[in-house]
Amino acid sequence: MRILVLGAGGYLGGHVTKRLRALPGTRVLVGGRSPAADVTLDLASDRPNVLAGALARARPDAVVNCAGATGGDAVTLAEVNARGPAVLCAALREAAPTARLVHLGSAAEYGPGTPGLRVTETEACLPAGPYGATKLAGTVAVTASGLDAVVLRVGNPVGAGAPPTGLPGRVAALLAEAEEEAASASGGGAGSWAGPVGGTGDGPVGRSGGGPDGGAGGGPDGGPGAGPELRLGDLSAYRDFVDVRDVACAVELAVTAAAALPPVLNVGGGEAVPVRELVRRLADAAGFRGRIVEADGSGSARSAQVSWQCSDIGAARLALGWRPSYSLDASLEALWAAHPVRVAAP
């Protein structure tokens, strides 16, 4: 079986590629702009006929599209998240019409959820911003293509390699930086949590060595003697977190499924977790025992607009036999253990 993976250099794409390469009797080809790619292409700018030529030469039995942009202006988001899937489908219809397409969508396509409820694939999509809107446009292009295709709507992925553009990766980076600084200041080893910790959460907050008002460090009442402090944005939102390894497993099952699949399947943890709980549990995994302070007014606009996200994953269980196998704690432990700052430390 020949599988072409697009976006293999990204967070999800890296895990997906590793998983697929372990399949017996499978050759995994990497497609992208890098000169080292097996198939050179650019979904953001290539014309359909150019992509079709590249696909014809690759002769894939399946294509997995992990390419996507989570940040940038609206033009960048539209080029990668909306145009990319549309032009890919046009090229596949011409060059490899029988290949299965597995496209990674996002739970952000749904927009704000209803607290206490899990959203199913049939719910109306009302994305809250350009990211969700452009991902939804990509999903529509795939589901309307007439190809043997499925969109996996992924929740909030967590695990080793999580980028700093998302909250788990950003908090891990702050904790790793703080651990390094604390160890250097105290002359101790990793885990010598001494001195203040600062950084950003959902929004930019300056480095601080004290209480919520940015004053001197102190105990719970702001007095002297407190340990480190991590200042973040508003953490009141609820999110559906899923281990990145479980996402890769879902992709494998979708690629290898013998029968036709539903057009869209939710791939999430199936539970709404308070973001502040995730931060606290990641801090626990890091051995951080300081205070976590939520600075008023510093949260992201998207978090304010979407206070609840939770996906119903029953359809993926029925269609793929898939369910999450990693706990959130296991995901956070993997994220912390693999953080590059810690891995590179002596």
C-alpha atoms as a PDB file:
ATOM      1  CA  MET A   1       0.000   0.000   0.000  1.00  0.00           C
ATOM      2  CA  ARG A   2       1.316   3.439  -0.954  1.00  0.00           C
ATOM      3  CA  ILE A   3       0.304   6.257   1.394  1.00  0.00           C
ATOM      4  CA  LEU A   4       1.077   9.892   0.686  1.00  0.00           C
ATOM      5  CA  VAL A   5       1.181  12.106   3.804  1.00  0.00           C
ATOM      6  CA  LEU A   6       0.929  15.872   3.396  1.00  0.00           C
ATOM      7  CA  GLY A   7       2.074  18.045   6.284  1.00  0.00           C
ATOM      8  CA  ALA A   8       4.338  15.324   7.676  1.00  0.00           C
ATOM      9  CA  GLY A   9       6.662  17.940   9.166  1.00  0.00           C
ATOM     10  CA  GLY A  10       3.984  19.281  11.488  1.00  0.00           C
ATOM     11  CA  TYR A  11       2.899  18.197  14.943  1.00  0.00           C
ATOM     12  CA  LEU A  12       0.063  15.879  13.913  1.00  0.00           C
ATOM     13  CA  GLY A  13       1.723  14.925  10.642  1.00  0.00           C
ATOM     14  CA  GLY A  14       4.883  13.742  12.371  1.00  0.00           C
ATOM     15  CA  HIS A  15       2.997  11.393  14.663  1.00  0.00           C
ATOM     16  CA  VAL A  16       0.782  10.162  11.826  1.00  0.00           C
ATOM     17  CA  THR A  17       3.781   9.442   9.591  1.00  0.00           C
ATOM     18  CA  LYS A  18       5.559   7.524  12.335  1.00  0.00           C
ATOM     19  CA  ARG A  19       2.459   5.410  12.948  1.00  0.00           C
ATOM     20  CA  LEU A  20       1.841   4.649   9.282  1.00  0.00           C
ATOM     21  CA  ARG A  21       5.474   3.712   8.651  1.00  0.00           C
ATOM     22  CA  ALA A  22       5.089   0.918  11.199  1.00  0.00           C
ATOM     23  CA  LEU A  23       2.398  -0.751   9.087  1.00  0.00           C
ATOM     24  CA  PRO A  24       3.668  -3.882   7.338  1.00  0.00           C
ATOM     25  CA  GLY A  25       3.608  -3.868   3.554  1.00  0.00           C
ATOM     26  CA  THR A  26       3.267  -0.108   3.418  1.00  0.00           C
ATOM     27  CA  ARG A  27       5.352   2.569   1.744  1.00  0.00           C
ATOM     28  CA  VAL A  28       4.822   6.044   3.146  1.00  0.00           C
ATOM     29  CA  LEU A  29       5.638   8.989   0.892  1.00  0.00           C
ATOM     30  CA  VAL A  30       6.000  12.508   2.247  1.00  0.00           C
ATOM     31  CA  GLY A  31       4.628  15.401   0.237  1.00  0.00           C
ATOM     32  CA  GLY A  32       5.455  19.055   0.749  1.00  0.00           C
ATOM     33  CA  ARG A  33       7.571  22.049  -0.190  1.00  0.00           C
ATOM     34  CA  SER A  34      10.810  20.724   1.310  1.00  0.00           C
ATOM     35  CA  PRO A  35      13.491  19.620  -1.172  1.00  0.00           C
ATOM     36  CA  ALA A  36      13.710  16.426   0.897  1.00  0.00           C
ATOM     37  CA  ALA A  37      10.057  15.561   0.239  1.00  0.00           C
ATOM     38  CA  ASP A  38       9.315  12.451  -1.799  1.00  0.00           C
ATOM     39  CA  VAL A  39       6.628  14.404  -3.664  1.00  0.00           C
ATOM     40  CA  THR A  40       7.171  18.130  -4.143  1.00  0.00           C
ATOM     41  CA  LEU A  41       3.963  20.153  -3.901  1.00  0.00           C
ATOM     42  CA  ASP A  42       2.420  23.199  -2.258  1.00  0.00           C
ATOM     43  CA  LEU A  43      -1.299  23.125  -1.511  1.00  0.00           C
ATOM     44  CA  ALA A  44      -1.350  26.863  -0.862  1.00  0.00           C
ATOM     45  CA  SER A  45      -0.184  27.863  -4.339  1.00  0.00           C
ATOM     46  CA  ASP A  46       0.009  24.976  -6.834  1.00  0.00           C
ATOM     47  CA  ARG A  47      -2.565  24.809  -9.601  1.00  0.00           C
ATOM     48  CA  PRO A  48      -4.725  21.662  -9.762  1.00  0.00           C
ATOM     49  CA  ASN A  49      -3.002  20.401 -12.907  1.00  0.00           C
ATOM     50  CA  VAL A  50       0.429  20.715 -11.258  1.00  0.00           C
ATOM     51  CA  LEU A  51      -0.778  18.778  -8.224  1.00  0.00           C
ATOM     52  CA  ALA A  52      -2.411  16.198 -10.466  1.00  0.00           C
ATOM     53  CA  GLY A  53       0.911  15.589 -12.187  1.00  0.00           C
ATOM     54  CA  ALA A  54       2.655  15.079  -8.861  1.00  0.00           C
ATOM     55  CA  LEU A  55      -0.066  12.708  -7.686  1.00  0.00           C
ATOM     56  CA  ALA A  56       0.019  10.718 -10.911  1.00  0.00           C
ATOM     57  CA  ARG A  57       3.738  10.133 -10.427  1.00  0.00           C
ATOM     58  CA  ALA A  58       3.283   9.162  -6.760  1.00  0.00           C
ATOM     59  CA  ARG A  59       0.450   6.678  -7.488  1.00  0.00           C
ATOM     60  CA  PRO A  60      -0.959   6.710  -3.928  1.00  0.00           C
ATOM     61  CA  ASP A  61      -3.547   4.253  -2.691  1.00  0.00           C
ATOM     62  CA  ALA A  62      -4.365   6.712   0.095  1.00  0.00           C
ATOM     63  CA  VAL A  63      -3.619  10.348   0.852  1.00  0.00           C
ATOM     64  CA  VAL A  64      -3.561  11.767   4.380  1.00  0.00           C
ATOM     65  CA  ASN A  65      -3.786  15.531   4.553  1.00  0.00           C
ATOM     66  CA  CYS A  66      -2.308  16.789   7.826  1.00  0.00           C
ATOM     67  CA  ALA A  67      -1.344  20.145   6.305  1.00  0.00           C
ATOM     68  CA  GLY A  68      -2.956  23.092   8.016  1.00  0.00           C
ATOM     69  CA  ALA A  69      -2.340  26.513   9.537  1.00  0.00           C
ATOM     70  CA  THR A  70      -3.405  27.312  13.094  1.00  0.00           C
ATOM     71  CA  GLY A  71      -2.154  30.891  13.097  1.00  0.00           C
ATOM     72  CA  GLY A  72      -1.488  33.784  10.792  1.00  0.00           C
ATOM     73  CA  ASP A  73      -3.724  36.277   9.040  1.00  0.00           C
ATOM     74  CA  ALA A  74      -6.963  35.397   7.299  1.00  0.00           C
ATOM     75  CA  VAL A  75      -5.246  35.115   3.911  1.00  0.00           C
ATOM     76  CA  THR A  76      -2.740  32.546   5.183  1.00  0.00           C
ATOM     77  CA  LEU A  77      -5.459  30.565   6.910  1.00  0.00           C
ATOM     78  CA  ALA A  78      -7.605  30.579   3.785  1.00  0.00           C
ATOM     79  CA  GLU A  79      -4.747  29.532   1.490  1.00  0.00           C
ATOM     80  CA  VAL A  80      -3.773  26.529   3.579  1.00  0.00           C
ATOM     81  CA  ASN A  81      -6.989  25.445   5.295  1.00  0.00           C
ATOM     82  CA  ALA A  82      -9.583  26.210   2.615  1.00  0.00           C
ATOM     83  CA  ARG A  83      -7.839  26.372  -0.771  1.00  0.00           C
ATOM     84  CA  GLY A  84      -5.491  23.510   0.059  1.00  0.00           C
ATOM     85  CA  PRO A  85      -8.125  20.785   0.505  1.00  0.00           C
ATOM     86  CA  ALA A  86     -10.146  22.100  -2.450  1.00  0.00           C
ATOM     87  CA  VAL A  87      -7.246  21.987  -4.896  1.00  0.00           C
ATOM     88  CA  LEU A  88      -6.129  18.621  -3.513  1.00  0.00           C
ATOM     89  CA  CYS A  89      -9.562  17.144  -4.189  1.00  0.00           C
ATOM     90  CA  ALA A  90      -9.584  18.546  -7.718  1.00  0.00           C
ATOM     91  CA  ALA A  91      -6.176  16.998  -8.396  1.00  0.00           C
ATOM     92  CA  LEU A  92      -7.169  13.642  -6.885  1.00  0.00           C
ATOM     93  CA  ARG A  93     -10.267  13.447  -9.078  1.00  0.00           C
ATOM     94  CA  GLU A  94      -8.021  13.790 -12.100  1.00  0.00           C
ATOM     95  CA  ALA A  95      -4.961  11.748 -11.116  1.00  0.00           C
ATOM     96  CA  ALA A  96      -6.014   9.239  -8.423  1.00  0.00           C
ATOM     97  CA  PRO A  97      -9.809   9.067  -8.242  1.00  0.00           C
ATOM     98  CA  THR A  98      -9.864   5.744  -6.366  1.00  0.00           C
ATOM     99  CA  ALA A  99      -7.420   6.761  -3.637  1.00  0.00           C
ATOM    100  CA  ARG A 100      -8.856   7.211  -0.167  1.00  0.00           C
ATOM    101  CA  LEU A 101      -8.456  10.704   1.258  1.00  0.00           C
ATOM    102  CA  VAL A 102      -8.205  11.151   5.028  1.00  0.00           C
ATOM    103  CA  HIS A 103      -8.315  14.846   5.878  1.00  0.00           C
ATOM    104  CA  LEU A 104      -7.702  16.275   9.350  1.00  0.00           C
ATOM    105  CA  GLY A 105     -10.319  18.817  10.286  1.00  0.00           C
ATOM    106  CA  SER A 106     -10.839  20.576  13.598  1.00  0.00           C
ATOM    107  CA  ALA A 107     -13.437  20.711  16.355  1.00  0.00           C
ATOM    108  CA  ALA A 108     -13.127  24.504  15.991  1.00  0.00           C
ATOM    109  CA  GLU A 109     -15.418  24.122  12.982  1.00  0.00           C
ATOM    110  CA  TYR A 110     -18.358  23.650  15.364  1.00  0.00           C
ATOM    111  CA  GLY A 111     -17.883  26.927  17.167  1.00  0.00           C
ATOM    112  CA  PRO A 112     -19.263  27.501  20.691  1.00  0.00           C
ATOM    113  CA  GLY A 113     -20.720  24.400  22.279  1.00  0.00           C
ATOM    114  CA  THR A 114     -23.540  24.084  24.770  1.00  0.00           C
ATOM    115  CA  PRO A 115     -22.221  23.464  28.299  1.00  0.00           C
ATOM    116  CA  GLY A 116     -22.911  19.922  29.389  1.00  0.00           C
ATOM    117  CA  LEU A 117     -23.498  18.571  25.886  1.00  0.00           C
ATOM    118  CA  ARG A 118     -21.308  16.634  23.443  1.00  0.00           C
ATOM    119  CA  VAL A 119     -21.536  17.765  19.834  1.00  0.00           C
ATOM    120  CA  THR A 120     -22.219  15.179  17.121  1.00  0.00           C
ATOM    121  CA  GLU A 121     -21.135  15.298  13.493  1.00  0.00           C
ATOM    122  CA  THR A 122     -24.635  16.311  12.379  1.00  0.00           C
ATOM    123  CA  GLU A 123     -24.721  19.497  14.443  1.00  0.00           C
ATOM    124  CA  ALA A 124     -24.706  22.825  12.647  1.00  0.00           C
ATOM    125  CA  CYS A 125     -21.261  24.431  12.384  1.00  0.00           C
ATOM    126  CA  LEU A 126     -20.936  28.045  13.525  1.00  0.00           C
ATOM    127  CA  PRO A 127     -17.182  28.714  13.785  1.00  0.00           C
ATOM    128  CA  ALA A 128     -16.206  31.671  15.935  1.00  0.00           C
ATOM    129  CA  GLY A 129     -13.262  32.965  13.921  1.00  0.00           C
ATOM    130  CA  PRO A 130     -11.159  32.709  10.756  1.00  0.00           C
ATOM    131  CA  TYR A 131      -9.395  29.512  11.822  1.00  0.00           C
ATOM    132  CA  GLY A 132     -12.585  27.537  12.374  1.00  0.00           C
ATOM    133  CA  ALA A 133     -14.222  29.079   9.308  1.00  0.00           C
ATOM    134  CA  THR A 134     -11.350  28.168   6.989  1.00  0.00           C
ATOM    135  CA  LYS A 135     -11.138  24.648   8.414  1.00  0.00           C
ATOM    136  CA  LEU A 136     -14.865  24.274   7.808  1.00  0.00           C
ATOM    137  CA  ALA A 137     -14.412  25.425   4.207  1.00  0.00           C
ATOM    138  CA  GLY A 138     -11.797  22.702   3.782  1.00  0.00           C
ATOM    139  CA  THR A 139     -14.165  20.110   5.208  1.00  0.00           C
ATOM    140  CA  VAL A 140     -16.919  21.157   2.832  1.00  0.00           C
ATOM    141  CA  ALA A 141     -14.534  20.844  -0.112  1.00  0.00           C
ATOM    142  CA  VAL A 142     -13.634  17.294   0.937  1.00  0.00           C
ATOM    143  CA  THR A 143     -17.142  16.069   1.726  1.00  0.00           C
ATOM    144  CA  ALA A 144     -18.522  17.495  -1.531  1.00  0.00           C
ATOM    145  CA  SER A 145     -15.698  16.115  -3.684  1.00  0.00           C
ATOM    146  CA  GLY A 146     -17.278  12.790  -4.594  1.00  0.00           C
ATOM    147  CA  LEU A 147     -14.063  11.015  -3.560  1.00  0.00           C
ATOM    148  CA  ASP A 148     -13.647   8.124  -1.155  1.00  0.00           C
ATOM    149  CA  ALA A 149     -12.931  10.583   1.636  1.00  0.00           C
ATOM    150  CA  VAL A 150     -13.370  11.141   5.358  1.00  0.00           C
ATOM    151  CA  VAL A 151     -12.726  14.174   7.536  1.00  0.00           C
ATOM    152  CA  LEU A 152     -11.490  13.487  11.057  1.00  0.00           C
ATOM    153  CA  ARG A 153     -12.537  16.441  13.210  1.00  0.00           C
ATOM    154  CA  VAL A 154      -9.787  16.515  15.808  1.00  0.00           C
ATOM    155  CA  GLY A 155     -10.256  18.000  19.264  1.00  0.00           C
ATOM    156  CA  ASN A 156      -7.375  19.614  21.136  1.00  0.00           C
ATOM    157  CA  PRO A 157      -4.358  17.323  20.615  1.00  0.00           C
ATOM    158  CA  VAL A 158      -1.925  16.872  23.489  1.00  0.00           C
ATOM    159  CA  GLY A 159       1.338  14.957  23.724  1.00  0.00           C
ATOM    160  CA  ALA A 160       5.011  14.924  22.888  1.00  0.00           C
ATOM    161  CA  GLY A 161       6.014  17.729  20.553  1.00  0.00           C
ATOM    162  CA  ALA A 162       2.975  19.952  21.179  1.00  0.00           C
ATOM    163  CA  PRO A 163       3.879  23.322  19.632  1.00  0.00           C
ATOM    164  CA  PRO A 164       3.999  26.552  21.630  1.00  0.00           C
ATOM    165  CA  THR A 165       1.202  27.954  19.460  1.00  0.00           C
ATOM    166  CA  GLY A 166      -1.241  25.926  21.591  1.00  0.00           C
ATOM    167  CA  LEU A 167      -1.789  26.208  25.331  1.00  0.00           C
ATOM    168  CA  PRO A 168      -0.320  22.815  26.405  1.00  0.00           C
ATOM    169  CA  GLY A 169       2.878  23.387  24.425  1.00  0.00           C
ATOM    170  CA  ARG A 170       3.132  26.996  25.558  1.00  0.00           C
ATOM    171  CA  VAL A 171       2.765  26.105  29.241  1.00  0.00           C
ATOM    172  CA  ALA A 172       5.275  23.253  28.870  1.00  0.00           C
ATOM    173  CA  ALA A 173       7.766  25.689  27.338  1.00  0.00           C
ATOM    174  CA  LEU A 174       7.292  28.122  30.221  1.00  0.00           C
ATOM    175  CA  LEU A 175       7.730  25.374  32.797  1.00  0.00           C
ATOM    176  CA  ALA A 176      10.844  24.034  31.080  1.00  0.00           C
ATOM    177  CA  GLU A 177      12.342  27.513  30.877  1.00  0.00           C
ATOM    178  CA  ALA A 178      11.526  28.154  34.517  1.00  0.00           C
ATOM    179  CA  GLU A 179      13.023  24.827  35.596  1.00  0.00           C
ATOM    180  CA  GLU A 180      16.229  25.640  33.747  1.00  0.00           C
ATOM    181  CA  GLU A 181      16.439  29.118  35.264  1.00  0.00           C
ATOM    182  CA  ALA A 182      15.648  27.843  38.750  1.00  0.00           C
ATOM    183  CA  ALA A 183      18.279  25.110  38.526  1.00  0.00           C
ATOM    184  CA  SER A 184      20.861  27.625  37.321  1.00  0.00           C
ATOM    185  CA  ALA A 185      20.019  30.102  40.056  1.00  0.00           C
ATOM    186  CA  SER A 186      20.145  27.522  42.834  1.00  0.00           C
ATOM    187  CA  GLY A 187      23.047  25.498  41.498  1.00  0.00           C
ATOM    188  CA  GLY A 188      20.844  22.412  41.661  1.00  0.00           C
ATOM    189  CA  GLY A 189      19.570  19.982  39.074  1.00  0.00           C
ATOM    190  CA  ALA A 190      16.333  19.735  37.185  1.00  0.00           C
ATOM    191  CA  GLY A 191      13.327  20.196  39.415  1.00  0.00           C
ATOM    192  CA  SER A 192      15.028  22.794  41.665  1.00  0.00           C
ATOM    193  CA  TRP A 193      12.030  25.076  41.633  1.00  0.00           C
ATOM    194  CA  ALA A 194      13.406  28.250  43.208  1.00  0.00           C
ATOM    195  CA  GLY A 195      12.508  31.792  42.307  1.00  0.00           C
ATOM    196  CA  PRO A 196       9.723  33.307  40.233  1.00  0.00           C
ATOM    197  CA  VAL A 197       8.188  31.924  37.084  1.00  0.00           C
ATOM    198  CA  GLY A 198       6.454  34.077  34.516  1.00  0.00           C
ATOM    199  CA  GLY A 199       5.040  33.845  31.044  1.00  0.00           C
ATOM    200  CA  THR A 200       1.920  33.855  28.989  1.00  0.00           C
ATOM    201  CA  GLY A 201      -1.208  31.811  28.861  1.00  0.00           C
ATOM    202  CA  ASP A 202      -3.952  32.554  26.397  1.00  0.00           C
ATOM    203  CA  GLY A 203      -2.678  36.099  26.078  1.00  0.00           C
ATOM    204  CA  PRO A 204       0.563  38.019  26.699  1.00  0.00           C
ATOM    205  CA  VAL A 205       1.368  38.599  30.343  1.00  0.00           C
ATOM    206  CA  GLY A 206       4.708  39.940  31.482  1.00  0.00           C
ATOM    207  CA  ARG A 207       7.246  38.023  33.569  1.00  0.00           C
ATOM    208  CA  SER A 208       6.428  38.449  37.220  1.00  0.00           C
ATOM    209  CA  GLY A 209       7.947  37.446  40.506  1.00  0.00           C
ATOM    210  CA  GLY A 210       4.976  38.134  42.675  1.00  0.00           C
ATOM    211  CA  GLY A 211       1.262  38.093  43.180  1.00  0.00           C
ATOM    212  CA  PRO A 212      -1.497  38.782  40.706  1.00  0.00           C
ATOM    213  CA  ASP A 213      -0.761  42.496  40.822  1.00  0.00           C
ATOM    214  CA  GLY A 214       2.857  41.954  39.756  1.00  0.00           C
ATOM    215  CA  GLY A 215       4.241  42.876  43.154  1.00  0.00           C
ATOM    216  CA  ALA A 216       6.873  41.088  45.170  1.00  0.00           C
ATOM    217  CA  GLY A 217       6.694  37.346  45.631  1.00  0.00           C
ATOM    218  CA  GLY A 218       4.813  36.032  48.596  1.00  0.00           C
ATOM    219  CA  GLY A 219       2.617  33.370  50.076  1.00  0.00           C
ATOM    220  CA  PRO A 220      -1.061  32.889  49.323  1.00  0.00           C
ATOM    221  CA  ASP A 221      -1.735  36.258  50.945  1.00  0.00           C
ATOM    222  CA  GLY A 222       1.041  38.020  49.037  1.00  0.00           C
ATOM    223  CA  GLY A 223       3.472  37.970  51.951  1.00  0.00           C
ATOM    224  CA  PRO A 224       7.113  36.902  51.804  1.00  0.00           C
ATOM    225  CA  GLY A 225       8.256  33.341  51.410  1.00  0.00           C
ATOM    226  CA  ALA A 226       6.248  32.194  48.408  1.00  0.00           C
ATOM    227  CA  GLY A 227       7.574  29.849  45.786  1.00  0.00           C
ATOM    228  CA  PRO A 228       7.455  30.412  42.049  1.00  0.00           C
ATOM    229  CA  GLU A 229       4.414  31.755  40.277  1.00  0.00           C
ATOM    230  CA  LEU A 230       3.080  31.089  36.802  1.00  0.00           C
ATOM    231  CA  ARG A 231       0.982  33.927  35.385  1.00  0.00           C
ATOM    232  CA  LEU A 232      -1.401  32.993  32.594  1.00  0.00           C
ATOM    233  CA  GLY A 233      -4.535  34.255  30.930  1.00  0.00           C
ATOM    234  CA  ASP A 234      -8.086  33.226  31.692  1.00  0.00           C
ATOM    235  CA  LEU A 235      -8.281  29.430  32.090  1.00  0.00           C
ATOM    236  CA  SER A 236     -12.021  29.063  32.627  1.00  0.00           C
ATOM    237  CA  ALA A 237     -12.809  27.450  29.243  1.00  0.00           C
ATOM    238  CA  TYR A 238     -13.513  23.742  28.797  1.00  0.00           C
ATOM    239  CA  ARG A 239     -11.798  21.797  26.014  1.00  0.00           C
ATOM    240  CA  ASP A 240     -11.883  18.257  24.631  1.00  0.00           C
ATOM    241  CA  PHE A 241      -8.280  17.027  24.774  1.00  0.00           C
ATOM    242  CA  VAL A 242      -7.069  13.977  22.867  1.00  0.00           C
ATOM    243  CA  ASP A 243      -3.655  12.335  22.831  1.00  0.00           C
ATOM    244  CA  VAL A 244      -1.790  12.902  19.574  1.00  0.00           C
ATOM    245  CA  ARG A 245      -0.998   9.174  19.479  1.00  0.00           C
ATOM    246  CA  ASP A 246      -4.714   8.412  19.548  1.00  0.00           C
ATOM    247  CA  VAL A 247      -5.199  10.802  16.628  1.00  0.00           C
ATOM    248  CA  ALA A 248      -2.531   8.907  14.684  1.00  0.00           C
ATOM    249  CA  CYS A 249      -4.290   5.639  15.496  1.00  0.00           C
ATOM    250  CA  ALA A 250      -7.580   7.005  14.159  1.00  0.00           C
ATOM    251  CA  VAL A 251      -5.832   8.016  10.932  1.00  0.00           C
ATOM    252  CA  GLU A 252      -4.381   4.534  10.523  1.00  0.00           C
ATOM    253  CA  LEU A 253      -7.803   2.951  11.015  1.00  0.00           C
ATOM    254  CA  ALA A 254      -9.380   5.366   8.531  1.00  0.00           C
ATOM    255  CA  VAL A 255      -6.699   4.690   5.924  1.00  0.00           C
ATOM    256  CA  THR A 256      -6.969   0.914   6.215  1.00  0.00           C
ATOM    257  CA  ALA A 257     -10.741   0.534   6.695  1.00  0.00           C
ATOM    258  CA  ALA A 258     -12.178  -1.772   4.053  1.00  0.00           C
ATOM    259  CA  ALA A 259     -15.631  -0.211   3.905  1.00  0.00           C
ATOM    260  CA  ALA A 260     -16.655   3.296   2.917  1.00  0.00           C
ATOM    261  CA  LEU A 261     -16.651   5.694   5.849  1.00  0.00           C
ATOM    262  CA  PRO A 262     -19.000   8.468   6.994  1.00  0.00           C
ATOM    263  CA  PRO A 263     -18.007  11.868   5.609  1.00  0.00           C
ATOM    264  CA  VAL A 264     -17.062  13.289   9.030  1.00  0.00           C
ATOM    265  CA  LEU A 265     -15.953  11.614  12.252  1.00  0.00           C
ATOM    266  CA  ASN A 266     -15.137  13.291  15.557  1.00  0.00           C
ATOM    267  CA  VAL A 267     -11.781  12.329  17.053  1.00  0.00           C
ATOM    268  CA  GLY A 268     -11.509  13.652  20.579  1.00  0.00           C
ATOM    269  CA  GLY A 269     -11.291  12.598  24.178  1.00  0.00           C
ATOM    270  CA  GLY A 270     -15.056  12.683  24.559  1.00  0.00           C
ATOM    271  CA  GLU A 271     -14.837  14.679  27.778  1.00  0.00           C
ATOM    272  CA  ALA A 272     -14.802  18.403  28.515  1.00  0.00           C
ATOM    273  CA  VAL A 273     -11.848  19.243  30.754  1.00  0.00           C
ATOM    274  CA  PRO A 274     -11.395  22.645  32.427  1.00  0.00           C
ATOM    275  CA  VAL A 275      -8.320  24.287  30.930  1.00  0.00           C
ATOM    276  CA  ARG A 276      -7.125  25.278  34.401  1.00  0.00           C
ATOM    277  CA  GLU A 277      -7.190  21.584  35.350  1.00  0.00           C
ATOM    278  CA  LEU A 278      -4.981  20.740  32.375  1.00  0.00           C
ATOM    279  CA  VAL A 279      -2.521  23.459  33.403  1.00  0.00           C
ATOM    280  CA  ARG A 280      -2.458  22.251  36.996  1.00  0.00           C
ATOM    281  CA  ARG A 281      -1.921  18.630  35.953  1.00  0.00           C
ATOM    282  CA  LEU A 282       0.862  19.619  33.569  1.00  0.00           C
ATOM    283  CA  ALA A 283       2.481  21.598  36.368  1.00  0.00           C
ATOM    284  CA  ASP A 284       2.196  18.508  38.582  1.00  0.00           C
ATOM    285  CA  ALA A 285       3.876  16.397  35.887  1.00  0.00           C
ATOM    286  CA  ALA A 286       6.686  18.958  35.828  1.00  0.00           C
ATOM    287  CA  GLY A 287       7.035  18.933  39.606  1.00  0.00           C
ATOM    288  CA  PHE A 288       5.995  22.590  39.796  1.00  0.00           C
ATOM    289  CA  ARG A 289       4.474  23.471  43.174  1.00  0.00           C
ATOM    290  CA  GLY A 290       4.105  27.205  42.807  1.00  0.00           C
ATOM    291  CA  ARG A 291       0.997  29.280  42.257  1.00  0.00           C
ATOM    292  CA  ILE A 292      -0.851  29.535  38.958  1.00  0.00           C
ATOM    293  CA  VAL A 293      -2.352  32.983  38.549  1.00  0.00           C
ATOM    294  CA  GLU A 294      -4.962  33.885  35.963  1.00  0.00           C
ATOM    295  CA  ALA A 295      -4.518  37.522  34.941  1.00  0.00           C
ATOM    296  CA  ASP A 296      -7.783  39.281  34.170  1.00  0.00           C
ATOM    297  CA  GLY A 297      -8.282  40.539  30.642  1.00  0.00           C
ATOM    298  CA  SER A 298      -5.354  38.658  29.133  1.00  0.00           C
ATOM    299  CA  GLY A 299      -7.167  35.684  27.627  1.00  0.00           C
ATOM    300  CA  SER A 300      -7.493  35.120  23.903  1.00  0.00           C
ATOM    301  CA  ALA A 301     -10.576  36.319  22.054  1.00  0.00           C
ATOM    302  CA  ARG A 302     -11.275  32.787  20.856  1.00  0.00           C
ATOM    303  CA  SER A 303     -11.324  31.400  24.400  1.00  0.00           C
ATOM    304  CA  ALA A 304     -13.792  34.091  25.385  1.00  0.00           C
ATOM    305  CA  GLN A 305     -16.026  33.219  22.416  1.00  0.00           C
ATOM    306  CA  VAL A 306     -15.822  29.451  22.842  1.00  0.00           C
ATOM    307  CA  SER A 307     -16.082  28.589  26.524  1.00  0.00           C
ATOM    308  CA  TRP A 308     -17.113  24.945  25.978  1.00  0.00           C
ATOM    309  CA  GLN A 309     -16.018  22.287  23.506  1.00  0.00           C
ATOM    310  CA  CYS A 310     -16.784  18.601  23.767  1.00  0.00           C
ATOM    311  CA  SER A 311     -17.213  16.058  20.959  1.00  0.00           C
ATOM    312  CA  ASP A 312     -19.381  12.968  20.807  1.00  0.00           C
ATOM    313  CA  ILE A 313     -17.006  10.234  19.582  1.00  0.00           C
ATOM    314  CA  GLY A 314     -19.542   7.426  19.262  1.00  0.00           C
ATOM    315  CA  ALA A 315     -19.544   7.492  15.452  1.00  0.00           C
ATOM    316  CA  ALA A 316     -15.777   6.937  15.284  1.00  0.00           C
ATOM    317  CA  ARG A 317     -16.146   3.967  17.594  1.00  0.00           C
ATOM    318  CA  LEU A 318     -18.801   2.431  15.340  1.00  0.00           C
ATOM    319  CA  ALA A 319     -17.119   3.188  12.004  1.00  0.00           C
ATOM    320  CA  LEU A 320     -13.471   2.587  12.949  1.00  0.00           C
ATOM    321  CA  GLY A 321     -13.521   0.619  16.174  1.00  0.00           C
ATOM    322  CA  TRP A 322     -11.584   3.549  17.621  1.00  0.00           C
ATOM    323  CA  ARG A 323     -11.571   4.989  21.086  1.00  0.00           C
ATOM    324  CA  PRO A 324      -8.978   6.958  23.071  1.00  0.00           C
ATOM    325  CA  SER A 325      -6.434   4.765  24.812  1.00  0.00           C
ATOM    326  CA  TYR A 326      -4.249   7.354  26.573  1.00  0.00           C
ATOM    327  CA  SER A 327      -5.310   9.260  29.664  1.00  0.00           C
ATOM    328  CA  LEU A 328      -4.807  13.001  29.893  1.00  0.00           C
ATOM    329  CA  ASP A 329      -2.136  12.475  32.537  1.00  0.00           C
ATOM    330  CA  ALA A 330      -0.259  10.117  30.200  1.00  0.00           C
ATOM    331  CA  SER A 331      -0.462  12.739  27.438  1.00  0.00           C
ATOM    332  CA  LEU A 332       0.888  15.463  29.710  1.00  0.00           C
ATOM    333  CA  GLU A 333       3.678  13.254  31.025  1.00  0.00           C
ATOM    334  CA  ALA A 334       4.723  12.517  27.428  1.00  0.00           C
ATOM    335  CA  LEU A 335       4.612  16.216  26.582  1.00  0.00           C
ATOM    336  CA  TRP A 336       6.775  17.154  29.550  1.00  0.00           C
ATOM    337  CA  ALA A 337       9.268  14.312  29.156  1.00  0.00           C
ATOM    338  CA  ALA A 338       9.891  15.135  25.490  1.00  0.00           C
ATOM    339  CA  HIS A 339      10.180  18.912  25.785  1.00  0.00           C
ATOM    340  CA  PRO A 340      13.312  19.945  23.836  1.00  0.00           C
ATOM    341  CA  VAL A 341      14.635  22.246  26.560  1.00  0.00           C
ATOM    342  CA  ARG A 342      14.638  19.369  29.048  1.00  0.00           C
ATOM    343  CA  VAL A 343      15.911  16.771  26.571  1.00  0.00           C
ATOM    344  CA  ALA A 344      18.848  19.022  25.619  1.00  0.00           C
ATOM    345  CA  ALA A 345      19.788  19.745  29.221  1.00  0.00           C
ATOM    346  CA  PRO A 346      22.871  17.945  30.630  1.00  0.00           C
END
